Amino acid sequence: GDDLSFHDLGCWGNRDVHTPNIDRLASEGLRLTRCFAPAPMCSPLRQSLYTGLHPVKNGAYPNHSFVKLGTKSLPHHLQPLGYRIGLVGKTHFGPPDCYPFEYPGRKNNPTNSAATPSAQASEQIGSLDIGAIGDFIRRDPSAPFCLVAASNEPHSPWTRGDASRYDPLKLKLPPYFVDTPETRAALASYYAEVTVLDEQVGRILQLLALSGQASNTFVLFISEQGSSFPHSKWTLYEPGIRGALLARWPGRIAAGKTTEALCSYVDILPTLMEIAGGSPPAGLAGSSLLPLLEARINRHADYI
């Protein structure tokens, strides 16, 4: 989820926003409530997620910046393990050689914008080419895959979704908001895009179920740093560096559980590598969350 604050989901206690699919995903897996971001803005955070390195280490510490030439990312680590690696949606990283994803539904030409919908797409929800996602999942049932569905929702300008379902006067504002009519109207439009994100999650999980692969697929949902409301994105306040992380893996991760163990976005790459049967290389900033996810331990990091 792009520019999504961790507390703006039903499963995180927000009673105003409509997120039934994400809430159901939380009930089917583990909710990690103390996952923190290595940067409070989009591009550095996203590139830390894919490289397993902190922004100053990989070079992408200003927003809209690129990592150092030769930096390895998720595709470099999973392709040798036999995985095909696809990304549908927002990129906002570079240079291209450092992110050799397959881009279903468009040419393999990453840009700093949301994906251009495929002319062959049969379905589009918000920014995501759902048709391309379905094609990628179904394409080769014999080969393991890793798919990143990188939504552009709910990043501003909050023009997608049905804001009329949210009455600005009835919304409960976070305590750090200034309560004005403008704030309430903006929050209603933002929540409408959060609901679009939820629809994307639900449809992707449905496609996974229809493929017959849901029972042996690890599913991870993660937000970014917080929204662009005050005291969130760009700041080191809690809503600017804390993320919403959910993990589901039938038979391996217990359903309906919550952990307060400290973890970070840089832990995601080594986690995916271990799940895929590999060994994370030395030099990564994080470490695998798999023992925590499988409840073999109840703590991960002493500090973030």
C-alpha atoms as a PDB file:
ATOM      1  CA  GLY A   1       0.000   0.000   0.000  1.00  0.00           C
ATOM      2  CA  ASP A   2       1.422   3.344  -1.096  1.00  0.00           C
ATOM      3  CA  ASP A   3       1.435   6.142   1.515  1.00  0.00           C
ATOM      4  CA  LEU A   4      -0.805   4.134   3.856  1.00  0.00           C
ATOM      5  CA  SER A   5      -0.638   4.850   7.587  1.00  0.00           C
ATOM      6  CA  PHE A   6      -0.492   1.717   9.716  1.00  0.00           C
ATOM      7  CA  HIS A   7      -3.534   2.697  11.795  1.00  0.00           C
ATOM      8  CA  ASP A   8      -5.835   3.205   8.795  1.00  0.00           C
ATOM      9  CA  LEU A   9      -7.035  -0.400   8.520  1.00  0.00           C
ATOM     10  CA  GLY A  10      -9.905  -2.120  10.241  1.00  0.00           C
ATOM     11  CA  CYS A  11      -7.604  -4.819  11.640  1.00  0.00           C
ATOM     12  CA  TRP A  12      -5.506  -2.079  13.270  1.00  0.00           C
ATOM     13  CA  GLY A  13      -8.540  -0.728  15.125  1.00  0.00           C
ATOM     14  CA  ASN A  14      -9.821   1.901  12.687  1.00  0.00           C
ATOM     15  CA  ARG A  15     -13.614   1.593  12.843  1.00  0.00           C
ATOM     16  CA  ASP A  16     -14.295   4.130  10.101  1.00  0.00           C
ATOM     17  CA  VAL A  17     -12.387   2.709   7.133  1.00  0.00           C
ATOM     18  CA  HIS A  18     -13.804  -0.197   5.098  1.00  0.00           C
ATOM     19  CA  THR A  19     -11.098  -2.866   4.590  1.00  0.00           C
ATOM     20  CA  PRO A  20     -12.810  -6.284   4.790  1.00  0.00           C
ATOM     21  CA  ASN A  21     -10.306  -8.126   2.591  1.00  0.00           C
ATOM     22  CA  ILE A  22      -7.222  -6.926   4.453  1.00  0.00           C
ATOM     23  CA  ASP A  23      -8.996  -7.604   7.757  1.00  0.00           C
ATOM     24  CA  ARG A  24      -9.768 -11.158   6.625  1.00  0.00           C
ATOM     25  CA  LEU A  25      -6.125 -11.627   5.616  1.00  0.00           C
ATOM     26  CA  ALA A  26      -5.123 -10.547   9.125  1.00  0.00           C
ATOM     27  CA  SER A  27      -7.508 -13.128  10.611  1.00  0.00           C
ATOM     28  CA  GLU A  28      -5.896 -15.839   8.469  1.00  0.00           C
ATOM     29  CA  GLY A  29      -2.325 -15.074   9.484  1.00  0.00           C
ATOM     30  CA  LEU A  30      -0.021 -13.055  11.720  1.00  0.00           C
ATOM     31  CA  ARG A  31      -0.237  -9.324  12.369  1.00  0.00           C
ATOM     32  CA  LEU A  32       3.138  -7.722  13.148  1.00  0.00           C
ATOM     33  CA  THR A  33       2.394  -4.522  15.040  1.00  0.00           C
ATOM     34  CA  ARG A  34       5.913  -3.145  15.564  1.00  0.00           C
ATOM     35  CA  CYS A  35       7.396  -3.148  12.071  1.00  0.00           C
ATOM     36  CA  PHE A  36       9.378   0.016  11.375  1.00  0.00           C
ATOM     37  CA  ALA A  37      10.575   1.718   8.219  1.00  0.00           C
ATOM     38  CA  PRO A  38      14.200   2.680   7.492  1.00  0.00           C
ATOM     39  CA  ALA A  39      13.015   5.976   5.960  1.00  0.00           C
ATOM     40  CA  PRO A  40       9.824   8.081   6.195  1.00  0.00           C
ATOM     41  CA  MET A  41       9.390   8.549   2.430  1.00  0.00           C
ATOM     42  CA  CYS A  42       8.545   6.476  -0.606  1.00  0.00           C
ATOM     43  CA  SER A  43      11.583   5.789  -2.770  1.00  0.00           C
ATOM     44  CA  PRO A  44      14.205   5.181  -0.048  1.00  0.00           C
ATOM     45  CA  LEU A  45      11.806   2.914   1.833  1.00  0.00           C
ATOM     46  CA  ARG A  46      10.833   0.958  -1.275  1.00  0.00           C
ATOM     47  CA  GLN A  47      14.460   0.435  -2.294  1.00  0.00           C
ATOM     48  CA  SER A  48      15.400  -0.695   1.218  1.00  0.00           C
ATOM     49  CA  LEU A  49      12.570  -3.223   1.040  1.00  0.00           C
ATOM     50  CA  TYR A  50      13.892  -4.701  -2.220  1.00  0.00           C
ATOM     51  CA  THR A  51      17.629  -4.567  -1.406  1.00  0.00           C
ATOM     52  CA  GLY A  52      17.620  -5.450   2.290  1.00  0.00           C
ATOM     53  CA  LEU A  53      19.936  -2.489   2.892  1.00  0.00           C
ATOM     54  CA  HIS A  54      19.466   0.806   4.669  1.00  0.00           C
ATOM     55  CA  PRO A  55      19.166   3.884   2.418  1.00  0.00           C
ATOM     56  CA  VAL A  56      22.606   5.363   3.097  1.00  0.00           C
ATOM     57  CA  LYS A  57      24.179   1.945   2.486  1.00  0.00           C
ATOM     58  CA  ASN A  58      22.498   1.313  -0.883  1.00  0.00           C
ATOM     59  CA  GLY A  59      22.760   4.972  -1.924  1.00  0.00           C
ATOM     60  CA  ALA A  60      19.057   5.745  -2.336  1.00  0.00           C
ATOM     61  CA  TYR A  61      18.529   8.048   0.618  1.00  0.00           C
ATOM     62  CA  PRO A  62      16.965  11.179  -0.968  1.00  0.00           C
ATOM     63  CA  ASN A  63      13.484  10.729  -2.393  1.00  0.00           C
ATOM     64  CA  HIS A  64      13.381   9.839  -6.131  1.00  0.00           C
ATOM     65  CA  SER A  65      17.014   8.672  -5.946  1.00  0.00           C
ATOM     66  CA  PHE A  66      18.689   5.521  -7.299  1.00  0.00           C
ATOM     67  CA  VAL A  67      20.791   2.863  -5.600  1.00  0.00           C
ATOM     68  CA  LYS A  68      24.486   2.490  -6.351  1.00  0.00           C
ATOM     69  CA  LEU A  69      25.400   0.606  -9.517  1.00  0.00           C
ATOM     70  CA  GLY A  70      25.912  -3.072  -8.772  1.00  0.00           C
ATOM     71  CA  THR A  71      23.457  -3.165  -5.878  1.00  0.00           C
ATOM     72  CA  LYS A  72      21.508  -6.423  -5.813  1.00  0.00           C
ATOM     73  CA  SER A  73      17.765  -6.620  -5.188  1.00  0.00           C
ATOM     74  CA  LEU A  74      15.013  -9.208  -4.772  1.00  0.00           C
ATOM     75  CA  PRO A  75      15.186 -10.609  -8.336  1.00  0.00           C
ATOM     76  CA  HIS A  76      18.957 -11.172  -8.118  1.00  0.00           C
ATOM     77  CA  HIS A  77      18.477 -13.257  -4.976  1.00  0.00           C
ATOM     78  CA  LEU A  78      15.405 -15.293  -5.929  1.00  0.00           C
ATOM     79  CA  GLN A  79      16.022 -16.033  -9.614  1.00  0.00           C
ATOM     80  CA  PRO A  80      18.966 -18.384  -8.854  1.00  0.00           C
ATOM     81  CA  LEU A  81      16.595 -20.301  -6.572  1.00  0.00           C
ATOM     82  CA  GLY A  82      14.346 -21.071  -9.545  1.00  0.00           C
ATOM     83  CA  TYR A  83      11.772 -18.332  -9.037  1.00  0.00           C
ATOM     84  CA  ARG A  84      10.265 -16.094 -11.660  1.00  0.00           C
ATOM     85  CA  ILE A  85       9.972 -12.593 -10.190  1.00  0.00           C
ATOM     86  CA  GLY A  86       7.251 -10.218 -11.355  1.00  0.00           C
ATOM     87  CA  LEU A  87       6.214  -6.713 -10.382  1.00  0.00           C
ATOM     88  CA  VAL A  88       2.906  -5.117 -11.344  1.00  0.00           C
ATOM     89  CA  GLY A  89       2.310  -1.498 -10.380  1.00  0.00           C
ATOM     90  CA  LYS A  90       4.507   1.239  -8.998  1.00  0.00           C
ATOM     91  CA  THR A  91       8.270   1.069  -9.360  1.00  0.00           C
ATOM     92  CA  HIS A  92       9.894   4.315  -8.101  1.00  0.00           C
ATOM     93  CA  PHE A  93      13.387   2.846  -8.093  1.00  0.00           C
ATOM     94  CA  GLY A  94      16.464   2.598 -10.248  1.00  0.00           C
ATOM     95  CA  PRO A  95      18.690   2.088 -12.112  1.00  0.00           C
ATOM     96  CA  PRO A  96      16.952  -0.675 -14.138  1.00  0.00           C
ATOM     97  CA  ASP A  97      19.913  -3.096 -13.989  1.00  0.00           C
ATOM     98  CA  CYS A  98      19.592  -3.175 -10.208  1.00  0.00           C
ATOM     99  CA  TYR A  99      15.941  -4.246 -10.385  1.00  0.00           C
ATOM    100  CA  PRO A 100      15.594  -6.931 -13.079  1.00  0.00           C
ATOM    101  CA  PHE A 101      11.958  -7.731 -12.377  1.00  0.00           C
ATOM    102  CA  GLU A 102       9.641  -9.075 -15.022  1.00  0.00           C
ATOM    103  CA  TYR A 103       6.904  -6.476 -15.596  1.00  0.00           C
ATOM    104  CA  PRO A 104       3.711  -8.327 -16.602  1.00  0.00           C
ATOM    105  CA  GLY A 105       1.378  -6.261 -18.724  1.00  0.00           C
ATOM    106  CA  ARG A 106       4.009  -3.848 -20.041  1.00  0.00           C
ATOM    107  CA  LYS A 107       7.486  -3.663 -21.468  1.00  0.00           C
ATOM    108  CA  ASN A 108      10.415  -4.335 -19.136  1.00  0.00           C
ATOM    109  CA  ASN A 109      11.101  -0.654 -18.748  1.00  0.00           C
ATOM    110  CA  PRO A 110      10.837   0.529 -15.121  1.00  0.00           C
ATOM    111  CA  THR A 111       9.945   4.172 -14.550  1.00  0.00           C
ATOM    112  CA  ASN A 112       9.313   6.342 -11.528  1.00  0.00           C
ATOM    113  CA  SER A 113       5.564   6.168 -11.982  1.00  0.00           C
ATOM    114  CA  ALA A 114       2.717   3.745 -11.613  1.00  0.00           C
ATOM    115  CA  ALA A 115       2.411   1.019 -14.196  1.00  0.00           C
ATOM    116  CA  THR A 116       0.927   1.699 -17.604  1.00  0.00           C
ATOM    117  CA  PRO A 117      -2.075  -0.625 -17.978  1.00  0.00           C
ATOM    118  CA  SER A 118      -1.624  -3.425 -20.469  1.00  0.00           C
ATOM    119  CA  ALA A 119      -3.663  -3.238 -23.647  1.00  0.00           C
ATOM    120  CA  GLN A 120      -4.454  -6.915 -23.042  1.00  0.00           C
ATOM    121  CA  ALA A 121      -5.623  -6.379 -19.476  1.00  0.00           C
ATOM    122  CA  SER A 122      -9.062  -7.805 -18.807  1.00  0.00           C
ATOM    123  CA  GLU A 123      -9.506  -6.035 -15.504  1.00  0.00           C
ATOM    124  CA  GLN A 124      -8.210  -2.881 -13.850  1.00  0.00           C
ATOM    125  CA  ILE A 125      -8.767  -1.912 -10.219  1.00  0.00           C
ATOM    126  CA  GLY A 126      -7.365   1.498  -9.440  1.00  0.00           C
ATOM    127  CA  SER A 127      -3.721   1.579 -10.436  1.00  0.00           C
ATOM    128  CA  LEU A 128      -3.290  -2.206 -10.698  1.00  0.00           C
ATOM    129  CA  ASP A 129      -3.561  -4.260 -13.882  1.00  0.00           C
ATOM    130  CA  ILE A 130      -5.413  -7.213 -12.371  1.00  0.00           C
ATOM    131  CA  GLY A 131      -5.473  -9.004 -15.715  1.00  0.00           C
ATOM    132  CA  ALA A 132      -1.681  -9.012 -15.848  1.00  0.00           C
ATOM    133  CA  ILE A 133      -1.509 -10.279 -12.280  1.00  0.00           C
ATOM    134  CA  GLY A 134      -3.829 -13.179 -13.112  1.00  0.00           C
ATOM    135  CA  ASP A 135      -1.860 -14.038 -16.230  1.00  0.00           C
ATOM    136  CA  PHE A 136       1.396 -14.099 -14.263  1.00  0.00           C
ATOM    137  CA  ILE A 137       0.001 -16.326 -11.502  1.00  0.00           C
ATOM    138  CA  ARG A 138      -1.493 -18.816 -13.972  1.00  0.00           C
ATOM    139  CA  ARG A 139       1.292 -18.850 -16.550  1.00  0.00           C
ATOM    140  CA  ASP A 140       3.456 -21.735 -15.359  1.00  0.00           C
ATOM    141  CA  PRO A 141       1.947 -23.798 -12.528  1.00  0.00           C
ATOM    142  CA  SER A 142       5.080 -25.954 -12.304  1.00  0.00           C
ATOM    143  CA  ALA A 143       7.446 -23.063 -11.503  1.00  0.00           C
ATOM    144  CA  PRO A 144       7.522 -21.176  -8.197  1.00  0.00           C
ATOM    145  CA  PHE A 145       6.868 -17.463  -8.452  1.00  0.00           C
ATOM    146  CA  CYS A 146       7.263 -14.274  -6.464  1.00  0.00           C
ATOM    147  CA  LEU A 147       4.889 -11.476  -7.431  1.00  0.00           C
ATOM    148  CA  VAL A 148       4.984  -7.927  -6.105  1.00  0.00           C
ATOM    149  CA  ALA A 149       1.655  -6.132  -6.505  1.00  0.00           C
ATOM    150  CA  ALA A 150       2.752  -2.554  -5.883  1.00  0.00           C
ATOM    151  CA  SER A 151      -0.376  -0.473  -5.592  1.00  0.00           C
ATOM    152  CA  ASN A 152      -0.365   3.290  -6.078  1.00  0.00           C
ATOM    153  CA  GLU A 153      -3.244   3.576  -3.606  1.00  0.00           C
ATOM    154  CA  PRO A 154      -3.818   5.438  -1.323  1.00  0.00           C
ATOM    155  CA  HIS A 155      -1.150   7.925  -2.455  1.00  0.00           C
ATOM    156  CA  SER A 156      -2.516  11.436  -2.992  1.00  0.00           C
ATOM    157  CA  PRO A 157      -4.260  13.158  -4.815  1.00  0.00           C
ATOM    158  CA  TRP A 158      -7.015  10.771  -3.551  1.00  0.00           C
ATOM    159  CA  THR A 159      -9.153  10.795  -6.668  1.00  0.00           C
ATOM    160  CA  ARG A 160     -10.028   7.082  -6.824  1.00  0.00           C
ATOM    161  CA  GLY A 161     -12.799   5.247  -5.062  1.00  0.00           C
ATOM    162  CA  ASP A 162     -16.165   6.321  -3.704  1.00  0.00           C
ATOM    163  CA  ALA A 163     -15.663   9.062  -1.129  1.00  0.00           C
ATOM    164  CA  SER A 164     -19.439   9.412  -0.701  1.00  0.00           C
ATOM    165  CA  ARG A 165     -19.483   6.257   1.441  1.00  0.00           C
ATOM    166  CA  TYR A 166     -17.567   8.203   4.097  1.00  0.00           C
ATOM    167  CA  ASP A 167     -19.388  11.029   5.880  1.00  0.00           C
ATOM    168  CA  PRO A 168     -16.712  13.581   6.824  1.00  0.00           C
ATOM    169  CA  LEU A 169     -18.709  14.748   9.845  1.00  0.00           C
ATOM    170  CA  LYS A 170     -18.823  11.230  11.343  1.00  0.00           C
ATOM    171  CA  LEU A 171     -15.151  10.375  10.987  1.00  0.00           C
ATOM    172  CA  LYS A 172     -12.980  10.025  14.080  1.00  0.00           C
ATOM    173  CA  LEU A 173      -9.776  11.976  13.539  1.00  0.00           C
ATOM    174  CA  PRO A 174      -6.419  10.857  14.929  1.00  0.00           C
ATOM    175  CA  PRO A 175      -5.471  13.010  17.929  1.00  0.00           C
ATOM    176  CA  TYR A 176      -2.622  14.700  16.059  1.00  0.00           C
ATOM    177  CA  PHE A 177      -4.908  16.060  13.290  1.00  0.00           C
ATOM    178  CA  VAL A 178      -6.272  19.615  13.257  1.00  0.00           C
ATOM    179  CA  ASP A 179     -10.040  19.243  13.060  1.00  0.00           C
ATOM    180  CA  THR A 180     -11.225  21.390  10.160  1.00  0.00           C
ATOM    181  CA  PRO A 181     -13.775  20.785   7.372  1.00  0.00           C
ATOM    182  CA  GLU A 182     -10.872  20.572   4.920  1.00  0.00           C
ATOM    183  CA  THR A 183      -9.160  17.889   6.973  1.00  0.00           C
ATOM    184  CA  ARG A 184     -12.351  15.837   7.225  1.00  0.00           C
ATOM    185  CA  ALA A 185     -13.065  16.078   3.489  1.00  0.00           C
ATOM    186  CA  ALA A 186      -9.505  15.027   2.694  1.00  0.00           C
ATOM    187  CA  LEU A 187      -9.711  12.104   5.104  1.00  0.00           C
ATOM    188  CA  ALA A 188     -12.912  10.864   3.441  1.00  0.00           C
ATOM    189  CA  SER A 189     -11.203  10.929   0.023  1.00  0.00           C
ATOM    190  CA  TYR A 190      -8.128   9.183   1.454  1.00  0.00           C
ATOM    191  CA  TYR A 191     -10.263   6.446   3.037  1.00  0.00           C
ATOM    192  CA  ALA A 192     -11.969   5.926  -0.329  1.00  0.00           C
ATOM    193  CA  GLU A 193      -8.565   5.079  -1.828  1.00  0.00           C
ATOM    194  CA  VAL A 194      -7.726   2.808   1.096  1.00  0.00           C
ATOM    195  CA  THR A 195     -10.899   0.901   0.180  1.00  0.00           C
ATOM    196  CA  VAL A 196      -9.694   0.658  -3.438  1.00  0.00           C
ATOM    197  CA  LEU A 197      -6.473  -0.870  -2.103  1.00  0.00           C
ATOM    198  CA  ASP A 198      -8.562  -3.322  -0.114  1.00  0.00           C
ATOM    199  CA  GLU A 199     -10.474  -4.294  -3.263  1.00  0.00           C
ATOM    200  CA  GLN A 200      -7.174  -4.956  -5.024  1.00  0.00           C
ATOM    201  CA  VAL A 201      -6.001  -7.202  -2.174  1.00  0.00           C
ATOM    202  CA  GLY A 202      -9.261  -9.141  -2.226  1.00  0.00           C
ATOM    203  CA  ARG A 203      -9.200  -9.690  -5.973  1.00  0.00           C
ATOM    204  CA  ILE A 204      -5.547 -10.803  -5.991  1.00  0.00           C
ATOM    205  CA  LEU A 205      -6.210 -13.290  -3.190  1.00  0.00           C
ATOM    206  CA  GLN A 206      -9.202 -14.555  -5.150  1.00  0.00           C
ATOM    207  CA  LEU A 207      -7.028 -15.079  -8.237  1.00  0.00           C
ATOM    208  CA  LEU A 208      -4.507 -16.940  -6.106  1.00  0.00           C
ATOM    209  CA  ALA A 209      -7.246 -19.191  -4.736  1.00  0.00           C
ATOM    210  CA  LEU A 210      -8.611 -19.876  -8.227  1.00  0.00           C
ATOM    211  CA  SER A 211      -5.113 -20.896  -9.357  1.00  0.00           C
ATOM    212  CA  GLY A 212      -5.055 -23.657  -6.749  1.00  0.00           C
ATOM    213  CA  GLN A 213      -1.837 -22.247  -5.247  1.00  0.00           C
ATOM    214  CA  ALA A 214      -3.210 -20.488  -2.148  1.00  0.00           C
ATOM    215  CA  SER A 215      -2.456 -23.322   0.266  1.00  0.00           C
ATOM    216  CA  ASN A 216       1.271 -23.366  -0.531  1.00  0.00           C
ATOM    217  CA  THR A 217       1.876 -19.658  -1.135  1.00  0.00           C
ATOM    218  CA  PHE A 218       3.345 -17.225   1.365  1.00  0.00           C
ATOM    219  CA  VAL A 219       1.381 -13.955   1.236  1.00  0.00           C
ATOM    220  CA  LEU A 220       2.689 -10.735   2.716  1.00  0.00           C
ATOM    221  CA  PHE A 221       0.871  -7.408   2.910  1.00  0.00           C
ATOM    222  CA  ILE A 222       2.808  -4.313   3.876  1.00  0.00           C
ATOM    223  CA  SER A 223       2.094  -0.612   3.939  1.00  0.00           C
ATOM    224  CA  GLU A 224       4.637   2.127   3.313  1.00  0.00           C
ATOM    225  CA  GLN A 225       5.522   4.926   5.670  1.00  0.00           C
ATOM    226  CA  GLY A 226       2.441   6.891   6.655  1.00  0.00           C
ATOM    227  CA  SER A 227       0.116   9.022   4.597  1.00  0.00           C
ATOM    228  CA  SER A 228       0.827  12.620   3.631  1.00  0.00           C
ATOM    229  CA  PHE A 229      -1.331  13.993   6.431  1.00  0.00           C
ATOM    230  CA  PRO A 230       0.578  16.023   9.056  1.00  0.00           C
ATOM    231  CA  HIS A 231       2.939  14.196  11.429  1.00  0.00           C
ATOM    232  CA  SER A 232       3.091  11.137   9.162  1.00  0.00           C
ATOM    233  CA  LYS A 233       5.130  10.845   5.949  1.00  0.00           C
ATOM    234  CA  TRP A 234       8.393  12.837   5.881  1.00  0.00           C
ATOM    235  CA  THR A 235       8.574  12.794   9.704  1.00  0.00           C
ATOM    236  CA  LEU A 236      10.003  10.562  12.429  1.00  0.00           C
ATOM    237  CA  TYR A 237       6.786  10.551  14.393  1.00  0.00           C
ATOM    238  CA  GLU A 238       5.308   7.084  14.877  1.00  0.00           C
ATOM    239  CA  PRO A 239       2.903   7.323  11.877  1.00  0.00           C
ATOM    240  CA  GLY A 240       5.843   8.289   9.651  1.00  0.00           C
ATOM    241  CA  ILE A 241       8.043   5.275  10.324  1.00  0.00           C
ATOM    242  CA  ARG A 242       5.713   2.508  11.518  1.00  0.00           C
ATOM    243  CA  GLY A 243       4.227   0.049   9.047  1.00  0.00           C
ATOM    244  CA  ALA A 244       1.359  -2.409   8.836  1.00  0.00           C
ATOM    245  CA  LEU A 245       2.685  -5.921   8.160  1.00  0.00           C
ATOM    246  CA  LEU A 246       0.581  -9.065   7.695  1.00  0.00           C
ATOM    247  CA  ALA A 247       1.828 -12.563   6.837  1.00  0.00           C
ATOM    248  CA  ARG A 248      -0.210 -15.624   5.831  1.00  0.00           C
ATOM    249  CA  TRP A 249       1.124 -19.101   5.081  1.00  0.00           C
ATOM    250  CA  PRO A 250      -1.373 -21.947   5.622  1.00  0.00           C
ATOM    251  CA  GLY A 251       0.035 -24.703   7.784  1.00  0.00           C
ATOM    252  CA  ARG A 252       3.159 -22.724   8.651  1.00  0.00           C
ATOM    253  CA  ILE A 253       1.864 -19.501  10.226  1.00  0.00           C
ATOM    254  CA  ALA A 254      -0.878 -19.735  12.861  1.00  0.00           C
ATOM    255  CA  ALA A 255      -4.056 -17.855  12.008  1.00  0.00           C
ATOM    256  CA  GLY A 256      -5.404 -14.879  13.932  1.00  0.00           C
ATOM    257  CA  LYS A 257      -2.230 -14.167  15.897  1.00  0.00           C
ATOM    258  CA  THR A 258      -0.430 -10.913  16.731  1.00  0.00           C
ATOM    259  CA  THR A 259       3.174 -10.199  17.685  1.00  0.00           C
ATOM    260  CA  GLU A 260       4.761  -7.080  19.127  1.00  0.00           C
ATOM    261  CA  ALA A 261       8.274  -8.206  18.239  1.00  0.00           C
ATOM    262  CA  LEU A 262      10.378  -5.423  16.744  1.00  0.00           C
ATOM    263  CA  CYS A 263      11.179  -5.809  13.053  1.00  0.00           C
ATOM    264  CA  SER A 264      12.018  -3.738   9.991  1.00  0.00           C
ATOM    265  CA  TYR A 265      11.380  -3.558   6.270  1.00  0.00           C
ATOM    266  CA  VAL A 266      15.001  -4.650   5.715  1.00  0.00           C
ATOM    267  CA  ASP A 267      14.062  -8.010   7.265  1.00  0.00           C
ATOM    268  CA  ILE A 268      11.689  -8.827   4.387  1.00  0.00           C
ATOM    269  CA  LEU A 269      14.292  -9.769   1.759  1.00  0.00           C
ATOM    270  CA  PRO A 270      16.173 -12.276   3.965  1.00  0.00           C
ATOM    271  CA  THR A 271      12.804 -13.701   5.011  1.00  0.00           C
ATOM    272  CA  LEU A 272      11.764 -14.320   1.413  1.00  0.00           C
ATOM    273  CA  MET A 273      15.149 -15.855   0.651  1.00  0.00           C
ATOM    274  CA  GLU A 274      14.890 -18.331   3.516  1.00  0.00           C
ATOM    275  CA  ILE A 275      11.323 -19.252   2.564  1.00  0.00           C
ATOM    276  CA  ALA A 276      12.522 -19.847  -1.004  1.00  0.00           C
ATOM    277  CA  GLY A 277      15.231 -22.211   0.224  1.00  0.00           C
ATOM    278  CA  GLY A 278      18.212 -19.901   0.054  1.00  0.00           C
ATOM    279  CA  SER A 279      20.656 -18.447   2.535  1.00  0.00           C
ATOM    280  CA  PRO A 280      20.699 -14.655   2.937  1.00  0.00           C
ATOM    281  CA  PRO A 281      24.139 -13.280   2.042  1.00  0.00           C
ATOM    282  CA  ALA A 282      26.347 -11.535   4.545  1.00  0.00           C
ATOM    283  CA  GLY A 283      26.056  -7.780   4.602  1.00  0.00           C
ATOM    284  CA  LEU A 284      22.280  -7.400   4.604  1.00  0.00           C
ATOM    285  CA  ALA A 285      20.933  -5.000   7.195  1.00  0.00           C
ATOM    286  CA  GLY A 286      18.183  -7.308   8.423  1.00  0.00           C
ATOM    287  CA  SER A 287      17.639 -10.964   9.196  1.00  0.00           C
ATOM    288  CA  SER A 288      14.955 -13.517   8.427  1.00  0.00           C
ATOM    289  CA  LEU A 289      11.638 -13.266  10.238  1.00  0.00           C
ATOM    290  CA  LEU A 290      10.745 -16.896   9.536  1.00  0.00           C
ATOM    291  CA  PRO A 291      11.419 -18.174  13.095  1.00  0.00           C
ATOM    292  CA  LEU A 292       9.177 -15.387  14.397  1.00  0.00           C
ATOM    293  CA  LEU A 293       6.470 -16.020  11.805  1.00  0.00           C
ATOM    294  CA  GLU A 294       6.388 -19.707  12.693  1.00  0.00           C
ATOM    295  CA  ALA A 295       6.288 -18.864  16.434  1.00  0.00           C
ATOM    296  CA  ARG A 296       9.559 -20.668  17.159  1.00  0.00           C
ATOM    297  CA  ILE A 297      10.690 -17.450  18.888  1.00  0.00           C
ATOM    298  CA  ASN A 298       8.724 -14.504  20.288  1.00  0.00           C
ATOM    299  CA  ARG A 299      11.220 -11.681  19.725  1.00  0.00           C
ATOM    300  CA  HIS A 300      13.319 -10.617  16.757  1.00  0.00           C
ATOM    301  CA  ALA A 301      15.321  -7.415  17.269  1.00  0.00           C
ATOM    302  CA  ASP A 302      16.349  -5.548  20.405  1.00  0.00           C
ATOM    303  CA  TYR A 303      16.106  -2.196  18.622  1.00  0.00           C
ATOM    304  CA  ILE A 304      15.376  -0.738  15.192  1.00  0.00           C
END
